[in-house]
Structures are given as C-alpha cells and as structure tokens.
C-alpha atoms as a PDB file:
ATOM      1  CA  UNK A   1       6.235 -34.543 -10.578  1.00  0.00           C
ATOM      2  CA  UNK A   2       3.962 -31.946  -8.963  1.00  0.00           C
ATOM      3  CA  UNK A   3       5.390 -29.074  -6.880  1.00  0.00           C
ATOM      4  CA  UNK A   4       4.519 -29.056  -3.241  1.00  0.00           C
ATOM      5  CA  UNK A   5       3.153 -25.974  -1.537  1.00  0.00           C
ATOM      6  CA  UNK A   6       5.920 -24.334   0.450  1.00  0.00           C
ATOM      7  CA  UNK A   7       8.659 -26.122  -1.453  1.00  0.00           C
ATOM      8  CA  UNK A   8      11.805 -24.124  -2.238  1.00  0.00           C
ATOM      9  CA  UNK A   9      11.395 -22.355  -5.560  1.00  0.00           C
ATOM     10  CA  UNK A  10      13.733 -22.116  -8.492  1.00  0.00           C
ATOM     11  CA  UNK A  11      16.020 -19.024  -8.912  1.00  0.00           C
ATOM     12  CA  UNK A  12      14.575 -15.652  -9.893  1.00  0.00           C
ATOM     13  CA  UNK A  13      12.361 -12.960  -8.423  1.00  0.00           C
ATOM     14  CA  UNK A  14       8.586 -12.883  -8.169  1.00  0.00           C
ATOM     15  CA  UNK A  15       6.522 -10.069  -9.646  1.00  0.00           C
ATOM     16  CA  UNK A  16       5.692  -8.761  -6.166  1.00  0.00           C
ATOM     17  CA  UNK A  17       9.390  -8.469  -5.244  1.00  0.00           C
ATOM     18  CA  UNK A  18      10.172  -6.555  -8.434  1.00  0.00           C
ATOM     19  CA  UNK A  19       7.219  -4.199  -7.914  1.00  0.00           C
ATOM     20  CA  UNK A  20       8.276  -3.490  -4.330  1.00  0.00           C
ATOM     21  CA  UNK A  21      11.798  -2.593  -5.456  1.00  0.00           C
ATOM     22  CA  UNK A  22      10.407  -0.266  -8.150  1.00  0.00           C
ATOM     23  CA  UNK A  23       8.106   1.445  -5.643  1.00  0.00           C
ATOM     24  CA  UNK A  24      10.978   1.995  -3.201  1.00  0.00           C
ATOM     25  CA  UNK A  25      13.182   3.389  -5.985  1.00  0.00           C
ATOM     26  CA  UNK A  26      10.371   5.729  -7.040  1.00  0.00           C
ATOM     27  CA  UNK A  27       9.988   7.043  -3.493  1.00  0.00           C
ATOM     28  CA  UNK A  28      13.736   7.626  -3.188  1.00  0.00           C
ATOM     29  CA  UNK A  29      13.846   9.402  -6.561  1.00  0.00           C
ATOM     30  CA  UNK A  30      10.996  11.695  -5.481  1.00  0.00           C
ATOM     31  CA  UNK A  31      12.836  12.617  -2.282  1.00  0.00           C
ATOM     32  CA  UNK A  32      16.013  13.420  -4.209  1.00  0.00           C
ATOM     33  CA  UNK A  33      14.217  15.510  -6.870  1.00  0.00           C
ATOM     34  CA  UNK A  34      12.426  17.700  -4.325  1.00  0.00           C
ATOM     35  CA  UNK A  35      15.604  18.043  -2.246  1.00  0.00           C
ATOM     36  CA  UNK A  36      17.603  19.316  -5.226  1.00  0.00           C
ATOM     37  CA  UNK A  37      14.877  21.856  -6.024  1.00  0.00           C
ATOM     38  CA  UNK A  38      15.348  23.630  -2.701  1.00  0.00           C
ATOM     39  CA  UNK A  39      19.118  23.781  -3.194  1.00  0.00           C
ATOM     40  CA  UNK A  40      18.596  25.548  -6.525  1.00  0.00           C
ATOM     41  CA  UNK A  41      16.510  28.284  -4.906  1.00  0.00           C
ATOM     42  CA  UNK A  42      19.053  28.730  -2.121  1.00  0.00           C
ATOM     43  CA  UNK A  43      21.909  29.054  -4.592  1.00  0.00           C
ATOM     44  CA  UNK A  44      20.059  31.724  -6.587  1.00  0.00           C
ATOM     45  CA  UNK A  45      19.417  33.675  -3.392  1.00  0.00           C
ATOM     46  CA  UNK A  46      23.096  33.450  -2.426  1.00  0.00           C
ATOM     47  CA  UNK A  47      24.152  34.561  -5.902  1.00  0.00           C
ATOM     48  CA  UNK A  48      21.785  37.514  -5.682  1.00  0.00           C
ATOM     49  CA  UNK A  49      23.172  38.595  -2.311  1.00  0.00           C
ATOM     50  CA  UNK A  50      26.704  38.317  -3.667  1.00  0.00           C
ATOM     51  CA  UNK A  51      25.802  40.340  -6.769  1.00  0.00           C
ATOM     52  CA  UNK A  52      24.184  43.035  -4.604  1.00  0.00           C
ATOM     53  CA  UNK A  53      27.347  43.343  -2.494  1.00  0.00           C
ATOM     54  CA  UNK A  54      29.453  43.608  -5.655  1.00  0.00           C
ATOM     55  CA  UNK A  55      27.156  46.304  -7.057  1.00  0.00           C
ATOM     56  CA  UNK A  56      27.267  48.314  -3.810  1.00  0.00           C
ATOM     57  CA  UNK A  57      31.067  48.075  -3.722  1.00  0.00           C
ATOM     58  CA  UNK A  58      31.427  48.977  -7.421  1.00  0.00           C
ATOM     59  CA  UNK A  59      29.044  51.889  -7.048  1.00  0.00           C
ATOM     60  CA  UNK A  60      30.916  53.240  -4.026  1.00  0.00           C
ATOM     61  CA  UNK A  61      34.271  52.883  -5.796  1.00  0.00           C
ATOM     62  CA  UNK A  62      33.003  54.627  -8.932  1.00  0.00           C
ATOM     63  CA  UNK A  63      31.344  57.418  -6.945  1.00  0.00           C
ATOM     64  CA  UNK A  64      34.563  57.991  -4.995  1.00  0.00           C
ATOM     65  CA  UNK A  65      36.597  58.157  -8.206  1.00  0.00           C
ATOM     66  CA  UNK A  66      34.117  60.388 -10.052  1.00  0.00           C
ATOM     67  CA  UNK A  67      32.562  62.803  -7.517  1.00  0.00           C
ATOM     68  CA  UNK A  68      29.445  64.619  -8.645  1.00  0.00           C
ATOM     69  CA  UNK A  69      29.200  62.653 -11.883  1.00  0.00           C
ATOM     70  CA  UNK A  70      27.481  59.452 -10.808  1.00  0.00           C
ATOM     71  CA  UNK A  71      23.726  58.873 -10.481  1.00  0.00           C
ATOM     72  CA  UNK A  72      23.030  56.119  -7.956  1.00  0.00           C
ATOM     73  CA  UNK A  73      21.249  53.122  -9.437  1.00  0.00           C
ATOM     74  CA  UNK A  74      22.434  53.800 -12.994  1.00  0.00           C
ATOM     75  CA  UNK A  75      23.688  50.492 -14.379  1.00  0.00           C
ATOM     76  CA  UNK A  76      25.050  51.925 -17.627  1.00  0.00           C
ATOM     77  CA  UNK A  77      28.152  53.403 -15.968  1.00  0.00           C
ATOM     78  CA  UNK A  78      28.623  50.328 -13.757  1.00  0.00           C
ATOM     79  CA  UNK A  79      28.579  47.925 -16.705  1.00  0.00           C
ATOM     80  CA  UNK A  80      32.276  48.549 -17.336  1.00  0.00           C
ATOM     81  CA  UNK A  81      33.101  47.494 -13.767  1.00  0.00           C
ATOM     82  CA  UNK A  82      31.418  44.069 -13.778  1.00  0.00           C
ATOM     83  CA  UNK A  83      32.323  41.095 -15.957  1.00  0.00           C
ATOM     84  CA  UNK A  84      28.932  39.372 -16.269  1.00  0.00           C
ATOM     85  CA  UNK A  85      25.535  40.984 -16.813  1.00  0.00           C
ATOM     86  CA  UNK A  86      23.260  40.795 -13.787  1.00  0.00           C
ATOM     87  CA  UNK A  87      19.882  39.058 -13.933  1.00  0.00           C
ATOM     88  CA  UNK A  88      17.078  41.614 -14.186  1.00  0.00           C
ATOM     89  CA  UNK A  89      14.026  39.470 -13.425  1.00  0.00           C
ATOM     90  CA  UNK A  90      13.006  36.395 -11.467  1.00  0.00           C
ATOM     91  CA  UNK A  91      14.689  34.801  -8.482  1.00  0.00           C
ATOM     92  CA  UNK A  92      18.199  36.125  -8.041  1.00  0.00           C
ATOM     93  CA  UNK A  93      17.558  39.433  -9.804  1.00  0.00           C
ATOM     94  CA  UNK A  94      19.423  42.441  -8.429  1.00  0.00           C
ATOM     95  CA  UNK A  95      17.486  45.705  -8.131  1.00  0.00           C
ATOM     96  CA  UNK A  96      18.284  49.186  -6.866  1.00  0.00           C
ATOM     97  CA  UNK A  97      16.282  50.363  -3.845  1.00  0.00           C
ATOM     98  CA  UNK A  98      16.086  54.141  -4.031  1.00  0.00           C
ATOM     99  CA  UNK A  99      14.714  54.298  -0.468  1.00  0.00           C
ATOM    100  CA  UNK A 100      17.803  52.764   1.101  1.00  0.00           C
ATOM    101  CA  UNK A 101      20.178  53.813  -1.663  1.00  0.00           C
ATOM    102  CA  UNK A 102      21.521  50.263  -1.911  1.00  0.00           C
ATOM    103  CA  UNK A 103      21.402  47.370  -4.315  1.00  0.00           C
ATOM    104  CA  UNK A 104      19.485  44.315  -3.128  1.00  0.00           C
ATOM    105  CA  UNK A 105      17.605  41.210  -4.193  1.00  0.00           C
ATOM    106  CA  UNK A 106      14.176  41.560  -5.744  1.00  0.00           C
ATOM    107  CA  UNK A 107      11.350  39.670  -4.092  1.00  0.00           C
ATOM    108  CA  UNK A 108       9.973  38.099  -7.288  1.00  0.00           C
END
C-alpha cells in the first residue's frame, strides 16, 4: 500500500526538526558562555577592590603600631598581616600608587 501525500506519519522526528533543536541549543549555549565570561571579569574587579581596601587598612594599622619604621608600599612587612598572597599581575592585581599613597587595582 502506497503512502499518500499529507497522510499522518509514523512516530519519530524528521531530520529538519532535530537540526532546528540543535541550532537553538547552540545559540542558547553561546549566550550562556559569553554571559558567564563577563561575570568572571566583574568578580576579579570586585576581589581587587576588596584586596586594595584590606591592604590600605593593614598598612594604616601597621604604621600606627610602628611609627617611623614603615615604608609605604612595602609588601614584605605586610605579608604577616594577610592570610593569602595578593595577585601581582593581570586582572585583579593589587598595586601601590605612590602618587596617591594608596593601594589600588592595576589597569592591566
């Protein structure tokens, strides 16, 4: 018995339907991947700002406890006051700005 054109088909999906679903999933995956990338940069910037505040506070506390003995921007004496080493390069790196006399985030 020959199939008629327009007759209801048997169960299953056609190749076109499967390809359309794969294309839509690919587009959604691309959106998610690029969205997560921006969150990573934002979190590194926030971590850098937090680290800079901690360094400024630690430096002020050490300088108040040891007058005349502390050179601003010297990380060797501050290393005992912080638990984790600070990043020194890339996004989120903390650097000392001798012009302002404060710790801040590097632009690289």
